Amino acid sequence: MHTAFIRVKVAPEAADRAARAMLDLVEPTRAEPGCVTYEFYRDHDDPSLFLCFEHWESRQALDDHGSTPHVTAFLAEFGPVIELWESNHTSALV
């Protein structure tokens, strides 16, 4: 199992639009081969900061996700307003 934690901060004026677009990513992503969990969260103190929690059957499945049409369209639209993109790739200790 491959788990990724992604922190994405967008320009404040784009935050609500980005939130809607992130929600639109959920359904097609969950239908992808190897996707186990895919969820977005919004920070309470900074509404322009989002966290994505993802479980994938393998790192390859996650890498394949990055080149899907819905992800590339999201990045094309919101890339100019993304101020921070941090990712942590992990595996469970068990």
C-alpha atoms as a PDB file:
ATOM      1  CA  MET A   1       0.000   0.000   0.000  1.00  0.00           C
ATOM      2  CA  HIS A   2       1.276   3.447  -0.904  1.00  0.00           C
ATOM      3  CA  THR A   3      -0.087   6.464   0.976  1.00  0.00           C
ATOM      4  CA  ALA A   4       0.364  10.083  -0.031  1.00  0.00           C
ATOM      5  CA  PHE A   5      -0.377  13.204   1.958  1.00  0.00           C
ATOM      6  CA  ILE A   6      -0.507  16.294  -0.238  1.00  0.00           C
ATOM      7  CA  ARG A   7      -0.660  19.910   0.991  1.00  0.00           C
ATOM      8  CA  VAL A   8      -1.847  22.396  -1.596  1.00  0.00           C
ATOM      9  CA  LYS A   9      -2.125  26.119  -0.948  1.00  0.00           C
ATOM     10  CA  VAL A  10      -3.749  28.278  -3.587  1.00  0.00           C
ATOM     11  CA  ALA A  11      -4.081  32.026  -3.919  1.00  0.00           C
ATOM     12  CA  PRO A  12      -6.858  33.127  -1.534  1.00  0.00           C
ATOM     13  CA  GLU A  13      -9.013  34.537  -4.327  1.00  0.00           C
ATOM     14  CA  ALA A  14      -9.014  31.102  -6.043  1.00  0.00           C
ATOM     15  CA  ALA A  15      -9.756  29.018  -2.935  1.00  0.00           C
ATOM     16  CA  ASP A  16     -13.497  28.466  -3.399  1.00  0.00           C
ATOM     17  CA  ARG A  17     -13.104  27.679  -7.093  1.00  0.00           C
ATOM     18  CA  ALA A  18     -10.239  25.276  -6.319  1.00  0.00           C
ATOM     19  CA  ALA A  19     -12.331  23.551  -3.628  1.00  0.00           C
ATOM     20  CA  ARG A  20     -15.108  22.847  -6.136  1.00  0.00           C
ATOM     21  CA  ALA A  21     -12.588  21.577  -8.686  1.00  0.00           C
ATOM     22  CA  MET A  22     -10.967  19.308  -6.095  1.00  0.00           C
ATOM     23  CA  LEU A  23     -14.347  17.795  -5.293  1.00  0.00           C
ATOM     24  CA  ASP A  24     -14.801  17.142  -9.013  1.00  0.00           C
ATOM     25  CA  LEU A  25     -11.577  15.090  -8.970  1.00  0.00           C
ATOM     26  CA  VAL A  26     -12.839  12.644  -6.350  1.00  0.00           C
ATOM     27  CA  GLU A  27     -15.261  10.484  -8.329  1.00  0.00           C
ATOM     28  CA  PRO A  28     -13.083   9.869 -11.412  1.00  0.00           C
ATOM     29  CA  THR A  29     -10.036   9.284  -9.226  1.00  0.00           C
ATOM     30  CA  ARG A  30     -11.791   6.717  -7.045  1.00  0.00           C
ATOM     31  CA  ALA A  31     -12.692   4.860 -10.250  1.00  0.00           C
ATOM     32  CA  GLU A  32      -9.028   4.569 -11.273  1.00  0.00           C
ATOM     33  CA  PRO A  33      -7.276   1.210 -11.024  1.00  0.00           C
ATOM     34  CA  GLY A  34      -5.415   0.922  -7.731  1.00  0.00           C
ATOM     35  CA  CYS A  35      -7.176   3.768  -5.910  1.00  0.00           C
ATOM     36  CA  VAL A  36      -8.216   2.767  -2.393  1.00  0.00           C
ATOM     37  CA  THR A  37      -8.890   6.155  -0.767  1.00  0.00           C
ATOM     38  CA  TYR A  38      -8.919   9.678  -2.166  1.00  0.00           C
ATOM     39  CA  GLU A  39     -10.148  12.533   0.044  1.00  0.00           C
ATOM     40  CA  PHE A  40      -9.695  16.293   0.277  1.00  0.00           C
ATOM     41  CA  TYR A  41      -9.802  18.400   3.428  1.00  0.00           C
ATOM     42  CA  ARG A  42      -9.840  22.159   3.895  1.00  0.00           C
ATOM     43  CA  ASP A  43      -7.911  23.831   6.702  1.00  0.00           C
ATOM     44  CA  HIS A  44     -10.075  25.625   9.280  1.00  0.00           C
ATOM     45  CA  ASP A  45      -7.575  28.423   9.913  1.00  0.00           C
ATOM     46  CA  ASP A  46      -6.521  28.974   6.311  1.00  0.00           C
ATOM     47  CA  PRO A  47      -9.301  28.273   3.785  1.00  0.00           C
ATOM     48  CA  SER A  48      -6.826  28.455   0.914  1.00  0.00           C
ATOM     49  CA  LEU A  49      -4.924  25.421   2.283  1.00  0.00           C
ATOM     50  CA  PHE A  50      -6.085  21.942   1.292  1.00  0.00           C
ATOM     51  CA  LEU A  51      -4.930  18.481   2.274  1.00  0.00           C
ATOM     52  CA  CYS A  52      -5.356  15.429   0.108  1.00  0.00           C
ATOM     53  CA  PHE A  53      -5.185  11.971   1.670  1.00  0.00           C
ATOM     54  CA  GLU A  54      -4.628   9.117  -0.784  1.00  0.00           C
ATOM     55  CA  HIS A  55      -4.179   5.338  -0.488  1.00  0.00           C
ATOM     56  CA  TRP A  56      -3.071   3.459  -3.577  1.00  0.00           C
ATOM     57  CA  GLU A  57      -2.330  -0.213  -4.133  1.00  0.00           C
ATOM     58  CA  SER A  58       1.111   0.783  -5.470  1.00  0.00           C
ATOM     59  CA  ARG A  59       3.314   3.742  -6.216  1.00  0.00           C
ATOM     60  CA  GLN A  60       2.834   3.012  -9.912  1.00  0.00           C
ATOM     61  CA  ALA A  61      -0.948   3.419  -9.561  1.00  0.00           C
ATOM     62  CA  LEU A  62      -0.401   6.822  -7.944  1.00  0.00           C
ATOM     63  CA  ASP A  63       2.079   7.834 -10.627  1.00  0.00           C
ATOM     64  CA  ASP A  64      -0.421   6.823 -13.317  1.00  0.00           C
ATOM     65  CA  HIS A  65      -3.053   8.985 -11.588  1.00  0.00           C
ATOM     66  CA  GLY A  66      -0.891  12.053 -12.177  1.00  0.00           C
ATOM     67  CA  SER A  67      -1.254  11.777 -15.942  1.00  0.00           C
ATOM     68  CA  THR A  68      -5.016  11.225 -16.130  1.00  0.00           C
ATOM     69  CA  PRO A  69      -7.084  13.765 -18.075  1.00  0.00           C
ATOM     70  CA  HIS A  70      -8.898  15.019 -14.960  1.00  0.00           C
ATOM     71  CA  VAL A  71      -5.651  15.678 -13.066  1.00  0.00           C
ATOM     72  CA  THR A  72      -3.884  17.302 -16.020  1.00  0.00           C
ATOM     73  CA  ALA A  73      -6.926  19.553 -16.614  1.00  0.00           C
ATOM     74  CA  PHE A  74      -6.952  20.537 -12.928  1.00  0.00           C
ATOM     75  CA  LEU A  75      -3.245  21.378 -12.974  1.00  0.00           C
ATOM     76  CA  ALA A  76      -3.558  23.329 -16.218  1.00  0.00           C
ATOM     77  CA  GLU A  77      -6.308  25.479 -14.712  1.00  0.00           C
ATOM     78  CA  PHE A  78      -4.978  25.911 -11.183  1.00  0.00           C
ATOM     79  CA  GLY A  79      -1.209  25.656 -11.680  1.00  0.00           C
ATOM     80  CA  PRO A  80      -0.871  29.457 -11.936  1.00  0.00           C
ATOM     81  CA  VAL A  81      -2.583  29.995  -8.541  1.00  0.00           C
ATOM     82  CA  ILE A  82      -0.918  27.159  -6.609  1.00  0.00           C
ATOM     83  CA  GLU A  83       1.401  28.767  -4.067  1.00  0.00           C
ATOM     84  CA  LEU A  84       2.527  25.575  -2.307  1.00  0.00           C
ATOM     85  CA  TRP A  85       2.545  21.901  -3.245  1.00  0.00           C
ATOM     86  CA  GLU A  86       4.101  19.532  -0.712  1.00  0.00           C
ATOM     87  CA  SER A  87       3.810  15.784  -0.860  1.00  0.00           C
ATOM     88  CA  ASN A  88       4.763  13.059   1.557  1.00  0.00           C
ATOM     89  CA  HIS A  89       4.827   9.491   0.321  1.00  0.00           C
ATOM     90  CA  THR A  90       4.567   6.895   3.059  1.00  0.00           C
ATOM     91  CA  SER A  91       3.968   3.277   3.937  1.00  0.00           C
ATOM     92  CA  ALA A  92       2.329   1.952   7.087  1.00  0.00           C
ATOM     93  CA  LEU A  93       4.596   0.756   9.874  1.00  0.00           C
ATOM     94  CA  VAL A  94       2.758  -2.546  10.184  1.00  0.00           C
END
